[in-house]
Amino acid sequence: MNTIEILDRLIAYDTVSANPNLDLIEWCAELIKDAGGDVTLIPDATGKKANLFATIGPRDQSGVMLSGHTDVVPVEGQAWTKPPFELTLDDGKYFGRGTCDMKGFVAAALSAALTAAQSDLKTPLHLALSYDEEIGCIGVRSLVDMLADAPFKPKFCIVGEPTSMQVAVGHKGKMAAKATMIGREGHSALAPMAVNAIHMGVDFVNVLRDLQDRLAQKGAQDDDYSVPYTTIHVGKINAGVALNIVPNTCEVLFEIRSLAQDDPDALMDEIRAQADAIVAQYQPIAPEAAITIERTANTYPGLSTPEEAAVVQFVKSLLGANDTMKVAFGTEGGLFSEQVGIPTVVCGPGSMEQGHKPDEFVSVDQLAKCDDMLANLVARLKDGID
């Protein structure tokens, strides 16, 4: 099967992160097994989702790993003019949910694996397919743990998120957290005798905004990013029951997307100290007043691969490219690099400007460039890499 035939099958699976991905993963597993590859599935606790790790070629040495996620974002509430779960070719573009982010790369990787299986590889090709990336690189963690304990780790990793087929050497890390304000409820007519948790939440959000302003003006800068500084973002606030009740709880969900130069733990320590100062203002009225901050699961490290790293030069040679870039979005690449020690870059077809939108697409030209890169990779694996 070629890349387009495989992509047609992949798009037909509705693998929105809230749904199982097992049917897709089992189809991919059978495709690779039938070609002679070695496949390991790592199911989640429900048995409805799984990661896939496959090896084509020698089993007793390092190789090059192609990594991609199989989940996609929802289509509800979006004005699609093409069927989201059918591959549609129109005006030199393949439309469908996930064509760009990132089943286009997964299809090309599977096609390359089938070609590699017919070759006598001196260096193996590995495939890593994961779930629940779109909600914070959650599913890939068990695959990362497996690789960390493996006797042979991949020499290089290419994460195929859309970069318009440019070599990306970095992305920011993400720390996601939930802050819970505890106040004291009361009748709104007697509001000064209670502690309004929403007011505490507003004070807390102002702390985050002040810190964001300071980072933008005086913090570390990296002009390779479209937003060149560490960002702090509030995404959701939950509070209140009725207008005539002073609310006793307020939840604020926020995130820190940090440059490699900034320590998110240090920033979080500063936020906690400021939260303690907020609480101290309210405790004379309500000694039980408090702000607790806990990290949520969708937290992952950044990626910062040196320009001179062997993996960067290797992938450049596959593309015939000279330049590198950094991307605003996160990937599992930071986990492979930081927790397993696999040198990693990001390079895949399409642009994230098309991702997560109605009528998502990847161009015919971009898929062809990806196929060319992976064909060059298979040729290099046939000769062997040191």
Protein backbone atom coordinates (compact mmCIF):
# COMPACT_ATOMS: atom_id res chain seq x y z
CA MET A 1 0.00 0.00 0.00
CA ASN A 2 1.22 3.50 -0.75
CA THR A 3 0.92 6.58 1.46
CA ILE A 4 -2.39 7.78 0.00
CA GLU A 5 -4.05 4.36 0.25
CA ILE A 6 -2.97 4.11 3.88
CA LEU A 7 -4.05 7.68 4.65
CA ASP A 8 -7.49 6.92 3.22
CA ARG A 9 -7.86 4.12 5.77
CA LEU A 10 -6.47 6.15 8.68
CA ILE A 11 -8.79 9.12 8.11
CA ALA A 12 -11.83 6.82 8.16
CA TYR A 13 -11.11 5.95 11.81
CA ASP A 14 -12.75 8.50 14.12
CA THR A 15 -9.94 8.69 16.64
CA VAL A 16 -10.91 11.91 18.38
CA SER A 17 -9.08 11.76 21.72
CA ALA A 18 -12.30 10.98 23.61
CA ASN A 19 -12.75 7.84 21.48
CA PRO A 20 -10.84 4.53 21.35
CA ASN A 21 -7.98 4.19 18.86
CA LEU A 22 -7.68 0.40 19.12
CA ASP A 23 -9.24 -0.42 15.74
CA LEU A 24 -6.77 1.86 13.98
CA ILE A 25 -3.81 0.54 15.96
CA GLU A 26 -4.73 -3.09 15.34
CA TRP A 27 -5.07 -2.39 11.61
CA CYS A 28 -1.60 -0.79 11.60
CA ALA A 29 -0.20 -3.70 13.60
CA GLU A 30 -1.52 -6.28 11.13
CA LEU A 31 -0.14 -4.27 8.21
CA ILE A 32 3.33 -4.30 9.74
CA LYS A 33 3.17 -7.92 10.91
CA ASP A 34 2.10 -9.10 7.47
CA ALA A 35 5.18 -7.37 6.07
CA GLY A 36 7.41 -9.20 8.54
CA GLY A 37 7.87 -6.47 11.14
CA ASP A 38 8.01 -7.01 14.89
CA VAL A 39 5.14 -5.26 16.73
CA THR A 40 4.45 -4.52 20.40
CA LEU A 41 1.15 -3.03 21.58
CA ILE A 42 0.96 -1.19 24.90
CA PRO A 43 -2.71 -0.92 25.95
CA ASP A 44 -4.12 1.60 28.39
CA ALA A 45 -5.99 0.61 31.54
CA THR A 46 -9.32 0.44 29.70
CA GLY A 47 -8.05 -1.79 26.90
CA LYS A 48 -9.69 0.56 24.40
CA LYS A 49 -6.55 2.49 23.47
CA ALA A 50 -2.99 1.44 22.78
CA ASN A 51 0.44 2.60 21.71
CA LEU A 52 2.31 0.71 19.01
CA PHE A 53 6.04 0.16 18.74
CA ALA A 54 7.36 -1.68 15.70
CA THR A 55 10.77 -2.66 14.39
CA ILE A 56 11.69 -3.48 10.81
CA GLY A 57 15.14 -4.91 10.27
CA PRO A 58 17.68 -6.08 12.89
CA ARG A 59 16.18 -6.47 16.36
CA ASP A 60 19.44 -6.30 18.32
CA GLN A 61 20.65 -2.76 17.66
CA SER A 62 19.68 0.88 17.68
CA GLY A 63 17.95 2.47 14.71
CA VAL A 64 15.92 5.46 13.59
CA MET A 65 12.46 5.96 15.10
CA LEU A 66 9.54 7.68 13.38
CA SER A 67 7.01 8.93 15.92
CA GLY A 68 3.43 10.09 15.45
CA HIS A 69 0.16 10.27 17.33
CA THR A 70 -3.06 8.68 16.15
CA ASP A 71 -5.63 10.83 17.95
CA VAL A 72 -7.23 13.94 16.47
CA VAL A 73 -9.16 16.92 17.80
CA PRO A 74 -12.99 17.09 17.63
CA VAL A 75 -14.95 18.39 14.64
CA GLU A 76 -18.10 19.41 16.54
CA GLY A 77 -18.96 23.08 16.23
CA GLN A 78 -16.82 23.53 13.12
CA ALA A 79 -18.20 24.42 9.68
CA TRP A 80 -16.76 21.65 7.51
CA THR A 81 -17.51 21.68 3.78
CA LYS A 82 -15.78 18.31 3.29
CA PRO A 83 -16.61 15.07 5.13
CA PRO A 84 -14.16 15.09 8.06
CA PHE A 85 -13.68 11.33 8.23
CA GLU A 86 -13.33 10.68 4.50
CA LEU A 87 -10.19 11.47 2.54
CA THR A 88 -11.09 14.00 -0.18
CA LEU A 89 -8.73 15.22 -2.91
CA ASP A 90 -9.51 18.69 -4.21
CA ASP A 91 -7.29 21.35 -5.80
CA GLY A 92 -4.03 19.57 -4.93
CA LYS A 93 -5.01 19.09 -1.28
CA TYR A 94 -6.10 16.07 0.75
CA PHE A 95 -8.87 17.06 3.16
CA GLY A 96 -9.97 15.26 6.32
CA ARG A 97 -9.56 15.45 10.08
CA GLY A 98 -5.96 14.53 10.86
CA THR A 99 -4.58 14.81 7.32
CA CYS A 100 -2.19 17.47 8.59
CA ASP A 101 -2.08 16.75 12.32
CA MET A 102 -0.83 14.14 11.88
CA LYS A 103 -2.10 11.08 10.04
CA GLY A 104 -0.40 12.28 6.86
CA PHE A 105 2.99 11.58 8.42
CA VAL A 106 1.78 8.35 10.03
CA ALA A 107 0.62 7.11 6.62
CA ALA A 108 3.97 8.01 5.05
CA ALA A 109 5.83 6.29 7.90
CA LEU A 110 3.77 3.12 7.48
CA SER A 111 4.37 3.17 3.73
CA ALA A 112 8.11 3.58 4.34
CA ALA A 113 7.99 0.68 6.79
CA LEU A 114 6.43 -1.57 4.13
CA THR A 115 9.21 -0.58 1.71
CA ALA A 116 11.83 -1.15 4.39
CA ALA A 117 10.41 -4.61 5.10
CA GLN A 118 11.24 -5.61 1.52
CA SER A 119 14.83 -4.40 1.93
CA ASP A 120 17.86 -5.85 3.65
CA LEU A 121 18.36 -3.22 6.33
CA LYS A 122 21.66 -3.00 8.17
CA THR A 123 20.15 -0.49 10.61
CA PRO A 124 16.56 -0.96 11.84
CA LEU A 125 13.59 1.33 11.31
CA HIS A 126 11.31 1.83 14.33
CA LEU A 127 7.74 3.16 14.39
CA ALA A 128 6.15 4.66 17.50
CA LEU A 129 2.42 5.42 17.29
CA SER A 130 0.70 6.88 20.34
CA TYR A 131 -2.69 8.01 21.64
CA ASP A 132 -3.97 11.04 23.59
CA GLU A 133 -1.27 13.42 22.38
CA GLU A 134 -3.84 16.12 21.74
CA ILE A 135 -4.72 16.32 25.43
CA GLY A 136 -1.15 16.75 26.64
CA CYS A 137 1.09 13.91 25.40
CA ILE A 138 -0.58 11.62 27.94
CA GLY A 139 -0.78 8.30 26.12
CA VAL A 140 2.83 8.14 24.98
CA ARG A 141 4.13 7.95 28.57
CA SER A 142 3.89 4.15 28.74
CA LEU A 143 5.80 3.87 25.46
CA VAL A 144 8.45 6.23 26.85
CA ASP A 145 8.75 4.00 29.93
CA MET A 146 9.15 0.93 27.74
CA LEU A 147 11.92 2.54 25.70
CA ALA A 148 13.69 3.75 28.84
CA ASP A 149 13.97 0.11 29.99
CA ALA A 150 14.79 -1.35 26.55
CA PRO A 151 18.24 -2.89 25.95
CA PHE A 152 18.52 -1.00 22.64
CA LYS A 153 17.25 2.55 22.29
CA PRO A 154 16.75 4.31 18.96
CA LYS A 155 19.77 6.30 17.84
CA PHE A 156 17.62 9.13 16.42
CA CYS A 157 13.94 10.10 16.48
CA ILE A 158 11.91 12.08 13.94
CA VAL A 159 8.57 13.31 15.29
CA GLY A 160 6.38 13.93 12.25
CA GLU A 161 4.27 16.86 13.43
CA PRO A 162 3.62 19.34 10.60
CA THR A 163 6.61 21.65 9.99
CA SER A 164 6.19 22.15 6.22
CA MET A 165 9.01 19.59 5.93
CA GLN A 166 11.51 21.81 7.71
CA VAL A 167 13.75 20.53 10.51
CA ALA A 168 12.53 21.83 13.87
CA VAL A 169 15.04 21.58 16.71
CA GLY A 170 12.98 23.02 19.54
CA HIS A 171 9.64 23.73 21.13
CA LYS A 172 8.54 25.12 24.47
CA GLY A 173 7.69 22.94 27.41
CA LYS A 174 4.25 23.00 28.98
CA MET A 175 3.31 22.92 32.65
CA ALA A 176 -0.46 22.77 33.19
CA ALA A 177 -1.99 23.37 36.60
CA LYS A 178 -5.21 23.91 38.53
CA ALA A 179 -5.46 26.50 41.29
CA THR A 180 -8.35 26.09 43.75
CA MET A 181 -9.43 29.08 45.88
CA ILE A 182 -11.18 28.23 49.14
CA GLY A 183 -13.24 31.05 50.63
CA ARG A 184 -16.31 31.16 52.89
CA GLU A 185 -19.85 31.07 51.58
CA GLY A 186 -22.56 33.44 52.74
CA HIS A 187 -25.64 35.40 51.75
CA SER A 188 -24.83 38.05 49.17
CA ALA A 189 -26.55 40.67 51.35
CA LEU A 190 -23.84 39.98 53.94
CA ALA A 191 -20.98 39.61 51.46
CA PRO A 192 -18.38 41.53 53.51
CA MET A 193 -18.76 38.93 56.26
CA ALA A 194 -17.85 36.11 53.87
CA VAL A 195 -14.84 35.52 51.60
CA ASN A 196 -15.67 35.49 47.91
CA ALA A 197 -13.58 32.79 46.22
CA ILE A 198 -14.10 34.50 42.86
CA HIS A 199 -12.45 37.62 44.24
CA MET A 200 -9.54 35.45 45.34
CA GLY A 201 -9.46 33.96 41.86
CA VAL A 202 -9.35 37.42 40.28
CA ASP A 203 -6.42 38.34 42.54
CA PHE A 204 -4.68 35.14 41.50
CA VAL A 205 -5.25 35.76 37.79
CA ASN A 206 -3.79 39.24 38.22
CA VAL A 207 -0.66 37.66 39.68
CA LEU A 208 -0.37 35.49 36.57
CA ARG A 209 -0.91 38.49 34.27
CA ASP A 210 1.72 40.56 36.09
CA LEU A 211 4.22 37.72 35.84
CA GLN A 212 3.41 37.31 32.14
CA ASP A 213 4.04 41.02 31.55
CA ARG A 214 7.39 40.79 33.33
CA LEU A 215 8.45 37.76 31.29
CA ALA A 216 7.48 39.50 28.06
CA GLN A 217 9.40 42.67 28.92
CA LYS A 218 12.38 41.45 30.92
CA GLY A 219 12.47 37.65 30.62
CA ALA A 220 14.56 35.40 28.40
CA GLN A 221 14.01 35.86 24.66
CA ASP A 222 14.36 33.42 21.77
CA ASP A 223 13.58 35.02 18.43
CA ASP A 224 13.34 31.64 16.70
CA TYR A 225 9.82 31.46 18.16
CA SER A 226 6.87 33.50 16.91
CA VAL A 227 6.25 34.40 20.57
CA PRO A 228 9.84 34.76 21.78
CA TYR A 229 9.28 34.54 25.54
CA THR A 230 7.76 32.20 28.11
CA THR A 231 3.98 32.57 28.28
CA ILE A 232 1.42 32.13 31.06
CA HIS A 233 -2.16 31.55 29.99
CA VAL A 234 -5.47 31.18 31.88
CA GLY A 235 -7.78 28.88 29.95
CA LYS A 236 -10.76 28.22 32.21
CA ILE A 237 -12.42 29.45 35.41
CA ASN A 238 -15.11 27.50 37.29
CA ALA A 239 -16.98 29.17 40.15
CA GLY A 240 -20.33 30.18 41.58
CA VAL A 241 -23.73 28.58 42.15
CA ALA A 242 -26.21 31.47 42.30
CA LEU A 243 -26.03 35.26 42.27
CA ASN A 244 -27.23 35.58 45.85
CA ILE A 245 -24.63 33.20 47.26
CA VAL A 246 -21.06 34.27 47.99
CA PRO A 247 -19.07 31.44 46.33
CA ASN A 248 -16.77 29.42 48.54
CA THR A 249 -14.70 27.83 45.76
CA CYS A 250 -13.16 28.94 42.49
CA GLU A 251 -10.98 26.89 40.13
CA VAL A 252 -8.53 28.48 37.71
CA LEU A 253 -6.89 26.33 35.04
CA PHE A 254 -3.66 27.80 33.71
CA GLU A 255 -0.48 26.83 31.91
CA ILE A 256 3.14 27.89 31.56
CA ARG A 257 4.77 27.38 28.14
CA SER A 258 8.43 27.89 28.87
CA LEU A 259 11.57 28.53 26.90
CA ALA A 260 14.53 26.26 27.60
CA GLN A 261 16.20 29.21 29.39
CA ASP A 262 13.40 29.48 31.97
CA ASP A 263 12.74 27.06 34.81
CA PRO A 264 8.99 26.37 35.06
CA ASP A 265 9.42 24.96 38.57
CA ALA A 266 10.97 28.25 39.71
CA LEU A 267 8.12 30.17 38.11
CA MET A 268 5.62 27.92 39.86
CA ASP A 269 7.39 28.51 43.19
CA GLU A 270 7.00 32.25 42.65
CA ILE A 271 3.30 31.81 41.82
CA ARG A 272 2.78 29.76 45.01
CA ALA A 273 4.47 32.45 47.11
CA GLN A 274 2.21 35.11 45.62
CA ALA A 275 -0.82 32.87 46.23
CA ASP A 276 0.16 32.62 49.91
CA ALA A 277 0.25 36.40 50.08
CA ILE A 278 -3.28 36.58 48.63
CA VAL A 279 -4.56 34.09 51.20
CA ALA A 280 -3.05 36.08 54.07
CA GLN A 281 -5.30 39.03 53.17
CA TYR A 282 -8.46 36.95 53.61
CA GLN A 283 -7.62 34.78 56.62
CA PRO A 284 -8.55 37.43 59.23
CA ILE A 285 -12.16 36.96 58.05
CA ALA A 286 -11.98 33.24 57.22
CA PRO A 287 -9.05 31.30 58.71
CA GLU A 288 -9.94 28.41 56.40
CA ALA A 289 -9.18 30.52 53.30
CA ALA A 290 -6.59 28.84 51.11
CA ILE A 291 -5.24 28.49 47.58
CA THR A 292 -3.98 25.09 46.49
CA ILE A 293 -2.11 24.57 43.23
CA GLU A 294 -1.68 21.16 41.62
CA ARG A 295 -0.17 20.17 38.30
CA THR A 296 -2.41 18.34 35.87
CA ALA A 297 -1.46 15.39 33.67
CA ASN A 298 -1.08 17.31 30.42
CA THR A 299 2.40 18.59 31.26
CA TYR A 300 5.46 17.82 29.15
CA PRO A 301 9.04 19.04 28.75
CA GLY A 302 10.30 21.22 25.95
CA LEU A 303 12.63 20.15 23.18
CA SER A 304 15.99 21.85 22.69
CA THR A 305 18.24 19.91 20.31
CA PRO A 306 21.57 21.61 19.52
CA GLU A 307 22.01 22.76 15.92
CA GLU A 308 25.25 20.79 15.70
CA ALA A 309 23.69 17.53 16.94
CA ALA A 310 24.15 14.48 14.72
CA VAL A 311 20.38 13.97 14.40
CA VAL A 312 19.98 17.48 12.99
CA GLN A 313 22.71 16.95 10.39
CA PHE A 314 21.29 13.52 9.54
CA VAL A 315 17.74 14.74 8.87
CA LYS A 316 19.05 17.76 6.97
CA SER A 317 20.92 15.36 4.71
CA LEU A 318 17.73 13.39 4.03
CA LEU A 319 15.99 16.61 2.97
CA GLY A 320 18.87 18.41 1.28
CA ALA A 321 18.14 21.29 3.68
CA ASN A 322 20.36 23.82 5.40
CA ASP A 323 18.07 25.69 7.79
CA THR A 324 16.32 24.78 11.02
CA MET A 325 13.37 26.25 12.91
CA LYS A 326 11.49 26.04 16.20
CA VAL A 327 7.75 25.44 16.59
CA ALA A 328 5.18 26.95 18.92
CA PHE A 329 3.30 23.71 19.62
CA GLY A 330 4.43 20.87 21.86
CA THR A 331 5.24 17.26 20.95
CA GLU A 332 6.33 14.00 22.52
CA GLY A 333 9.85 14.85 21.33
CA GLY A 334 10.77 16.44 24.65
CA LEU A 335 9.83 13.22 26.47
CA PHE A 336 11.95 11.06 24.16
CA SER A 337 14.87 13.45 24.48
CA GLU A 338 14.72 14.19 28.20
CA GLN A 339 13.48 10.92 29.68
CA VAL A 340 14.98 8.36 27.28
CA GLY A 341 17.97 10.26 25.92
CA ILE A 342 17.05 9.87 22.24
CA PRO A 343 18.27 12.80 20.09
CA THR A 344 15.12 14.14 18.45
CA VAL A 345 13.93 16.60 15.82
CA VAL A 346 10.45 17.44 14.52
CA CYS A 347 9.82 17.22 10.77
CA GLY A 348 6.60 16.42 8.96
CA PRO A 349 4.27 17.37 6.10
CA GLY A 350 1.81 20.24 6.23
CA SER A 351 1.51 23.36 8.36
CA MET A 352 -0.02 23.62 11.81
CA GLU A 353 -1.87 26.64 10.45
CA GLN A 354 -4.22 24.02 8.97
CA GLY A 355 -4.41 21.89 12.11
CA HIS A 356 -7.45 21.87 14.43
CA LYS A 357 -9.52 23.80 11.85
CA PRO A 358 -12.51 22.85 9.69
CA ASP A 359 -11.51 21.50 6.27
CA GLU A 360 -8.10 20.50 7.58
CA PHE A 361 -5.78 19.51 4.74
CA VAL A 362 -2.30 18.51 3.70
CA SER A 363 -1.09 19.26 0.19
CA VAL A 364 -0.12 16.64 -2.38
CA ASP A 365 3.26 18.35 -2.64
CA GLN A 366 3.95 18.13 1.09
CA LEU A 367 3.11 14.43 1.23
CA ALA A 368 5.39 13.83 -1.76
CA LYS A 369 8.24 15.62 0.01
CA CYS A 370 7.68 13.47 3.09
CA ASP A 371 7.71 10.30 0.98
CA ASP A 372 10.99 11.45 -0.60
CA MET A 373 12.59 12.07 2.81
CA LEU A 374 11.55 8.67 4.10
CA ALA A 375 12.69 6.94 0.89
CA ASN A 376 16.10 8.51 1.48
CA LEU A 377 15.97 7.29 5.07
CA VAL A 378 15.27 3.70 4.01
CA ALA A 379 18.15 3.87 1.53
CA ARG A 380 20.47 5.03 4.31
CA LEU A 381 19.27 2.25 6.60
CA LYS A 382 20.06 -0.30 3.89
CA ASP A 383 23.66 0.92 3.88
CA GLY A 384 23.73 1.23 7.66
CA ILE A 385 24.42 4.26 9.86
CA ASP A 386 26.95 4.46 12.66
